Amino acid sequence: MKIFPEIDDHLMNDLKPSAYINELSNRELFKEYPFTLLSDLKKVPQSPKHHPEGSVWNHTMLVLDNAGERKHLSQDPKVLMWSALLHDLGKASATKMTKGRITSYDHDKLGEGLAVKFLKEFTKDEEFINKISKMVRWHMQILFVTKSLPFADIRRMASEISVDEVALLGLCDRLGRGNMTLEKKVSEEKSILSFLEKCQMYLSDRKSSLDLVR
């Protein structure tokens, strides 16, 4: 399908790819599968406290533009950009009202499979699909690791995808919110550094432990 290379071109070359993606979303194409996986995000609300920008779609566009500004920092810019676009696909089915709060538990796990389904409509590059799906799967680890939550799984994450790449996507994700002041930006950047430090410490300790039993 010709639309895939067209999207890819904009993701790779536009500083703010959201302008093109927003325009594309108004075409009839977005009423057809698999693009409905993206268009459905326009109807998905988020917690006003954490996401003053509004819908998951609005958030995704902000994340995409943050990734566009930072793709030169990535080991694989194409994977980063597609991951930014697809990272919250799982929120369409995961978002619920829980005790008066909007939640989207396990959207990272649901999103992994949806990213695979979306990309398989356009490409047979299994390595490319796998990398993106794993980025989607692990993008919430920034929160889990920094907060020392039981959902943190550094070992498995590191075995499936680059921790540095997850951190870069995570930075774009956390900056992709409304009312992002300089103070908030600095705080989010510190959170990413904390994530990387904790991951490096865990992986270093694990390697040392393995060396001892050899």
Protein backbone atom coordinates (compact mmCIF):
# COMPACT_ATOMS: atom_id res chain seq x y z
CA MET A 1 0.00 0.00 0.00
CA LYS A 2 1.45 3.35 -1.08
CA ILE A 3 0.28 5.17 2.03
CA PHE A 4 2.83 3.38 4.22
CA PRO A 5 5.94 4.83 2.52
CA GLU A 6 4.19 8.22 2.41
CA ILE A 7 3.64 8.16 6.17
CA ASP A 8 7.15 6.86 6.71
CA ASP A 9 8.59 9.71 4.66
CA HIS A 10 6.83 12.31 6.80
CA LEU A 11 7.78 10.59 10.05
CA MET A 12 11.42 10.51 9.01
CA ASN A 13 11.70 13.97 7.46
CA ASP A 14 9.22 16.31 9.14
CA LEU A 15 10.27 18.16 12.28
CA LYS A 16 6.60 18.13 13.33
CA PRO A 17 4.99 15.06 11.71
CA SER A 18 1.73 15.72 13.54
CA ALA A 19 0.71 18.28 10.89
CA TYR A 20 0.69 15.58 8.21
CA ILE A 21 -0.83 12.89 10.45
CA ASN A 22 -3.63 15.22 11.55
CA GLU A 23 -4.38 16.04 7.92
CA LEU A 24 -4.29 12.35 7.03
CA SER A 25 -6.73 11.57 9.84
CA ASN A 26 -9.40 13.64 8.10
CA ARG A 27 -9.34 11.45 5.00
CA GLU A 28 -11.74 8.57 4.36
CA LEU A 29 -8.77 6.27 4.81
CA PHE A 30 -8.95 6.70 8.58
CA LYS A 31 -12.40 5.12 8.61
CA GLU A 32 -10.87 1.86 7.39
CA TYR A 33 -8.91 -0.82 9.27
CA PRO A 34 -6.14 -0.68 10.44
CA PHE A 35 -6.29 3.12 10.61
CA THR A 36 -9.33 2.87 12.86
CA LEU A 37 -6.87 1.69 15.53
CA LEU A 38 -5.48 5.24 15.41
CA SER A 39 -8.67 7.20 14.74
CA ASP A 40 -10.34 5.55 17.74
CA LEU A 41 -7.83 7.38 19.94
CA LYS A 42 -9.61 10.66 19.18
CA LYS A 43 -12.53 9.47 21.29
CA VAL A 44 -10.45 8.22 24.24
CA PRO A 45 -10.26 10.62 27.22
CA GLN A 46 -7.36 10.88 29.65
CA SER A 47 -6.93 12.09 33.20
CA PRO A 48 -7.03 15.91 33.10
CA LYS A 49 -4.53 15.95 35.97
CA HIS A 50 -1.82 14.07 34.06
CA HIS A 51 -2.92 14.88 30.51
CA PRO A 52 -4.34 18.41 30.24
CA GLU A 53 -3.92 18.17 26.45
CA GLY A 54 -7.06 16.02 26.30
CA SER A 55 -7.59 12.89 24.24
CA VAL A 56 -5.10 10.11 23.59
CA TRP A 57 -4.93 11.37 20.01
CA ASN A 58 -3.82 14.85 21.15
CA HIS A 59 -1.23 13.24 23.40
CA THR A 60 0.04 11.01 20.58
CA MET A 61 0.51 14.00 18.28
CA LEU A 62 2.58 15.79 20.94
CA VAL A 63 4.68 12.67 21.53
CA LEU A 64 5.20 12.33 17.79
CA ASP A 65 6.51 15.87 17.49
CA ASN A 66 8.81 15.40 20.47
CA ALA A 67 10.17 12.28 18.79
CA GLY A 68 10.58 14.22 15.56
CA GLU A 69 12.81 16.71 17.36
CA ARG A 70 14.90 13.95 18.94
CA LYS A 71 15.09 11.20 16.35
CA HIS A 72 18.71 12.10 15.64
CA LEU A 73 19.48 10.74 19.12
CA SER A 74 18.06 7.32 18.32
CA GLN A 75 19.96 4.19 17.31
CA ASP A 76 17.06 3.46 14.94
CA PRO A 77 15.06 6.63 14.13
CA LYS A 78 12.49 4.78 12.01
CA VAL A 79 11.62 2.47 14.89
CA LEU A 80 11.43 5.43 17.30
CA MET A 81 9.04 7.38 15.07
CA TRP A 82 6.67 4.50 14.41
CA SER A 83 6.78 3.60 18.10
CA ALA A 84 5.81 7.16 19.00
CA LEU A 85 2.85 6.98 16.63
CA LEU A 86 1.63 3.60 17.88
CA HIS A 87 2.70 3.60 21.52
CA ASP A 88 -0.77 4.15 23.01
CA LEU A 89 -2.92 2.02 20.69
CA GLY A 90 -3.89 -0.10 23.68
CA LYS A 91 -5.63 2.79 25.42
CA ALA A 92 -8.71 2.54 23.19
CA SER A 93 -9.72 -0.75 24.81
CA ALA A 94 -7.94 -0.35 28.17
CA THR A 95 -9.36 3.02 29.20
CA LYS A 96 -12.04 2.84 31.88
CA MET A 97 -13.51 4.86 34.70
CA THR A 98 -12.22 3.33 37.95
CA LYS A 99 -13.46 4.78 41.25
CA GLY A 100 -14.06 8.13 39.62
CA ARG A 101 -10.71 8.18 37.83
CA ILE A 102 -9.84 7.58 34.17
CA THR A 103 -7.43 4.65 34.00
CA SER A 104 -5.77 2.64 31.23
CA TYR A 105 -4.20 -0.30 33.03
CA ASP A 106 -2.23 -2.74 30.84
CA HIS A 107 -2.51 -0.56 27.75
CA ASP A 108 1.18 -1.24 27.15
CA LYS A 109 0.57 -5.00 27.00
CA LEU A 110 -2.53 -4.63 24.81
CA GLY A 111 -0.71 -2.15 22.59
CA GLU A 112 2.07 -4.62 21.83
CA GLY A 113 -0.29 -6.94 19.97
CA LEU A 114 -2.17 -4.11 18.28
CA ALA A 115 1.08 -2.60 16.97
CA VAL A 116 1.93 -5.96 15.40
CA LYS A 117 -1.50 -6.18 13.76
CA PHE A 118 -1.27 -2.61 12.45
CA LEU A 119 2.18 -2.99 10.94
CA LYS A 120 1.52 -6.41 9.40
CA GLU A 121 -1.02 -4.69 7.14
CA PHE A 122 1.87 -2.82 5.48
CA THR A 123 5.15 -4.69 5.86
CA LYS A 124 6.61 -8.17 6.18
CA ASP A 125 9.75 -6.92 7.94
CA GLU A 126 9.47 -9.04 11.09
CA GLU A 127 12.48 -7.47 12.80
CA PHE A 128 11.06 -3.97 12.28
CA ILE A 129 7.63 -5.05 13.59
CA ASN A 130 9.14 -6.80 16.59
CA LYS A 131 11.26 -3.80 17.62
CA ILE A 132 8.28 -1.45 17.52
CA SER A 133 5.98 -3.83 19.35
CA LYS A 134 8.57 -4.21 22.12
CA MET A 135 9.00 -0.45 22.38
CA VAL A 136 5.24 -0.20 22.83
CA ARG A 137 5.24 -3.07 25.32
CA TRP A 138 7.91 -1.55 27.56
CA HIS A 139 7.29 2.20 27.31
CA MET A 140 5.55 2.30 30.72
CA GLN A 141 8.63 0.95 32.47
CA ILE A 142 9.84 4.52 32.97
CA LEU A 143 7.11 4.98 35.56
CA PHE A 144 7.31 1.48 37.01
CA VAL A 145 11.08 1.54 37.50
CA THR A 146 11.41 5.07 38.84
CA LYS A 147 8.55 4.53 41.29
CA SER A 148 9.82 1.04 42.24
CA LEU A 149 6.44 -0.47 41.38
CA PRO A 150 5.92 -4.26 41.27
CA PHE A 151 5.26 -4.08 37.51
CA ALA A 152 8.90 -3.15 36.84
CA ASP A 153 10.76 -5.86 34.93
CA ILE A 154 14.18 -4.54 33.93
CA ARG A 155 15.60 -7.98 33.22
CA ARG A 156 12.98 -8.95 30.67
CA MET A 157 12.82 -5.49 29.11
CA ALA A 158 16.58 -5.40 28.58
CA SER A 159 16.47 -8.86 27.01
CA GLU A 160 13.94 -7.71 24.41
CA ILE A 161 14.81 -4.12 23.52
CA SER A 162 17.42 -1.41 24.07
CA VAL A 163 16.93 0.29 27.44
CA ASP A 164 18.32 3.51 25.95
CA GLU A 165 15.69 3.46 23.20
CA VAL A 166 12.90 2.87 25.70
CA ALA A 167 14.24 5.82 27.67
CA LEU A 168 14.18 8.05 24.59
CA LEU A 169 10.61 7.07 23.74
CA GLY A 170 9.73 7.52 27.40
CA LEU A 171 11.12 11.05 27.38
CA CYS A 172 9.04 11.93 24.32
CA ASP A 173 6.01 10.34 25.98
CA ARG A 174 6.40 12.29 29.22
CA LEU A 175 7.05 15.58 27.42
CA GLY A 176 4.05 15.01 25.16
CA ARG A 177 1.58 16.66 27.50
CA GLY A 178 -0.20 19.99 27.67
CA ASN A 179 1.01 22.87 29.84
CA MET A 180 4.61 21.62 29.73
CA THR A 181 6.58 24.30 31.58
CA LEU A 182 10.38 24.47 31.74
CA GLU A 183 10.21 23.27 35.35
CA LYS A 184 8.12 20.24 34.37
CA LYS A 185 10.42 19.49 31.45
CA VAL A 186 13.48 19.47 33.71
CA SER A 187 11.65 17.21 36.15
CA GLU A 188 10.77 14.72 33.39
CA GLU A 189 14.35 14.71 32.10
CA LYS A 190 15.58 13.92 35.63
CA SER A 191 13.08 11.07 35.80
CA ILE A 192 14.52 9.55 32.62
CA LEU A 193 18.04 9.80 34.04
CA SER A 194 16.83 8.08 37.19
CA PHE A 195 15.32 5.31 35.08
CA LEU A 196 18.58 4.77 33.21
CA GLU A 197 20.63 4.78 36.40
CA LYS A 198 18.37 2.21 38.07
CA CYS A 199 18.45 -0.01 34.99
CA GLN A 200 22.23 0.20 34.72
CA MET A 201 22.64 -0.56 38.41
CA TYR A 202 20.32 -3.58 38.22
CA LEU A 203 21.94 -4.98 35.08
CA SER A 204 25.43 -4.42 36.49
CA ASP A 205 24.56 -6.16 39.77
CA ARG A 206 22.96 -9.04 37.87
CA LYS A 207 26.05 -9.46 35.68
CA SER A 208 28.26 -9.50 38.77
CA SER A 209 26.06 -12.15 40.38
CA LEU A 210 26.21 -14.30 37.26
CA ASP A 211 30.00 -13.96 37.14
CA LEU A 212 30.23 -15.23 40.72
CA VAL A 213 28.44 -18.51 39.94
CA ARG A 214 30.44 -19.30 36.84
